[in-house]
Amino acid sequence: MMEDDDLNTVSFEDAIRPFEEGGDKKILLTGPRRSGKSSIERVIFHKMSPHETLFLEPTQNMDVRLIASNDFVRFQTWDFGG
């Protein structure tokens, strides 16, 4: 599985595999462009300061990230560009 150490970004193929096998749950972030989907995800799940989100680049495609705090909390966020 290809991962970005900072944000646990995974490829689309690796992201859908657990769902085909009945694995991780997912949270879909959808909405109009520039409405704050990525900002909400970064503040809640990656402890980014709300002020820092002003400098995020717009999401061009779809970002899938694994959130695995412990054995009981494990899911994926799917952030769709607006």
C-alpha atoms as a PDB file:
ATOM      1  CA  MET A   1       0.000   0.000   0.000  1.00  0.00           C
ATOM      2  CA  MET A   2       1.377   3.438  -0.925  1.00  0.00           C
ATOM      3  CA  GLU A   3       1.097   5.895   1.966  1.00  0.00           C
ATOM      4  CA  ASP A   4       2.102   9.478   2.629  1.00  0.00           C
ATOM      5  CA  ASP A   5       3.492   9.470   6.195  1.00  0.00           C
ATOM      6  CA  ASP A   6       2.020  12.863   7.105  1.00  0.00           C
ATOM      7  CA  LEU A   7      -1.579  12.305   6.025  1.00  0.00           C
ATOM      8  CA  ASN A   8      -1.837   8.533   5.423  1.00  0.00           C
ATOM      9  CA  THR A   9      -2.917   9.101   1.818  1.00  0.00           C
ATOM     10  CA  VAL A  10      -3.620   5.830  -0.010  1.00  0.00           C
ATOM     11  CA  SER A  11      -4.225   4.965  -3.640  1.00  0.00           C
ATOM     12  CA  PHE A  12      -7.787   4.491  -4.885  1.00  0.00           C
ATOM     13  CA  GLU A  13      -7.216   0.762  -5.510  1.00  0.00           C
ATOM     14  CA  ASP A  14      -5.913   0.237  -1.972  1.00  0.00           C
ATOM     15  CA  ALA A  15      -8.759   2.324  -0.576  1.00  0.00           C
ATOM     16  CA  ILE A  16     -11.595   0.295  -2.094  1.00  0.00           C
ATOM     17  CA  ARG A  17     -10.096  -3.130  -1.344  1.00  0.00           C
ATOM     18  CA  PRO A  18     -11.232  -3.258   2.341  1.00  0.00           C
ATOM     19  CA  PHE A  19     -14.811  -2.412   1.321  1.00  0.00           C
ATOM     20  CA  GLU A  20     -14.863  -5.276  -1.116  1.00  0.00           C
ATOM     21  CA  GLU A  21     -13.751  -7.488   1.781  1.00  0.00           C
ATOM     22  CA  GLY A  22     -16.136  -5.896   4.349  1.00  0.00           C
ATOM     23  CA  GLY A  23     -13.409  -3.860   6.087  1.00  0.00           C
ATOM     24  CA  ASP A  24     -13.048  -0.217   7.106  1.00  0.00           C
ATOM     25  CA  LYS A  25     -15.994   2.178   7.226  1.00  0.00           C
ATOM     26  CA  LYS A  26     -15.823   5.405   5.255  1.00  0.00           C
ATOM     27  CA  ILE A  27     -16.826   9.036   5.644  1.00  0.00           C
ATOM     28  CA  LEU A  28     -17.548  10.876   2.388  1.00  0.00           C
ATOM     29  CA  LEU A  29     -16.859  14.613   2.264  1.00  0.00           C
ATOM     30  CA  THR A  30     -18.830  16.142  -0.602  1.00  0.00           C
ATOM     31  CA  GLY A  31     -20.101  19.612  -1.381  1.00  0.00           C
ATOM     32  CA  PRO A  32     -19.504  22.760  -3.421  1.00  0.00           C
ATOM     33  CA  ARG A  33     -15.954  23.802  -4.180  1.00  0.00           C
ATOM     34  CA  ARG A  34     -14.185  25.996  -1.597  1.00  0.00           C
ATOM     35  CA  SER A  35     -16.802  25.107   1.054  1.00  0.00           C
ATOM     36  CA  GLY A  36     -14.306  23.748   3.626  1.00  0.00           C
ATOM     37  CA  LYS A  37     -14.504  19.959   3.233  1.00  0.00           C
ATOM     38  CA  SER A  38     -10.733  19.411   3.430  1.00  0.00           C
ATOM     39  CA  SER A  39     -10.406  22.015   6.173  1.00  0.00           C
ATOM     40  CA  ILE A  40     -12.973  20.238   8.354  1.00  0.00           C
ATOM     41  CA  GLU A  41     -11.230  16.899   7.805  1.00  0.00           C
ATOM     42  CA  ARG A  42      -7.791  18.305   8.677  1.00  0.00           C
ATOM     43  CA  VAL A  43      -8.988  20.128  11.823  1.00  0.00           C
ATOM     44  CA  ILE A  44     -10.985  17.192  13.218  1.00  0.00           C
ATOM     45  CA  PHE A  45      -8.818  14.217  12.305  1.00  0.00           C
ATOM     46  CA  HIS A  46      -5.299  15.643  11.869  1.00  0.00           C
ATOM     47  CA  LYS A  47      -5.313  18.323  14.605  1.00  0.00           C
ATOM     48  CA  MET A  48      -4.506  21.158  12.206  1.00  0.00           C
ATOM     49  CA  SER A  49      -5.189  24.660  13.479  1.00  0.00           C
ATOM     50  CA  PRO A  50      -8.239  26.221  11.792  1.00  0.00           C
ATOM     51  CA  HIS A  51      -6.109  29.219  10.824  1.00  0.00           C
ATOM     52  CA  GLU A  52      -3.650  26.954   8.981  1.00  0.00           C
ATOM     53  CA  THR A  53      -6.410  25.643   6.708  1.00  0.00           C
ATOM     54  CA  LEU A  54      -6.537  28.993   4.921  1.00  0.00           C
ATOM     55  CA  PHE A  55      -3.361  27.942   3.109  1.00  0.00           C
ATOM     56  CA  LEU A  56      -4.538  24.516   1.891  1.00  0.00           C
ATOM     57  CA  GLU A  57      -4.458  23.920  -1.850  1.00  0.00           C
ATOM     58  CA  PRO A  58      -7.837  23.082  -3.431  1.00  0.00           C
ATOM     59  CA  THR A  59      -8.552  19.367  -3.798  1.00  0.00           C
ATOM     60  CA  GLN A  60      -8.255  18.536  -7.496  1.00  0.00           C
ATOM     61  CA  ASN A  61      -9.410  14.902  -7.494  1.00  0.00           C
ATOM     62  CA  MET A  62     -10.299  12.651  -4.594  1.00  0.00           C
ATOM     63  CA  ASP A  63      -8.181  12.193  -1.459  1.00  0.00           C
ATOM     64  CA  VAL A  64      -8.615   9.005   0.548  1.00  0.00           C
ATOM     65  CA  ARG A  65      -7.022   8.921   4.009  1.00  0.00           C
ATOM     66  CA  LEU A  66      -6.925   6.197   6.636  1.00  0.00           C
ATOM     67  CA  ILE A  67      -7.782   7.235  10.191  1.00  0.00           C
ATOM     68  CA  ALA A  68      -6.588   4.569  12.619  1.00  0.00           C
ATOM     69  CA  SER A  69      -6.262   5.932  16.158  1.00  0.00           C
ATOM     70  CA  ASN A  70      -6.362   2.480  17.739  1.00  0.00           C
ATOM     71  CA  ASP A  71      -7.827  -0.984  17.113  1.00  0.00           C
ATOM     72  CA  PHE A  72     -11.374   0.254  17.804  1.00  0.00           C
ATOM     73  CA  VAL A  73     -11.294   3.462  15.736  1.00  0.00           C
ATOM     74  CA  ARG A  74     -10.476   2.702  12.116  1.00  0.00           C
ATOM     75  CA  PHE A  75     -12.113   4.304   9.078  1.00  0.00           C
ATOM     76  CA  GLN A  76     -11.328   6.175   5.885  1.00  0.00           C
ATOM     77  CA  THR A  77     -12.184   9.710   4.828  1.00  0.00           C
ATOM     78  CA  TRP A  78     -12.942  10.243   1.150  1.00  0.00           C
ATOM     79  CA  ASP A  79     -12.549  13.925   0.273  1.00  0.00           C
ATOM     80  CA  PHE A  80     -14.040  14.763  -3.126  1.00  0.00           C
ATOM     81  CA  GLY A  81     -12.981  17.949  -4.879  1.00  0.00           C
ATOM     82  CA  GLY A  82     -15.847  20.389  -5.485  1.00  0.00           C
END
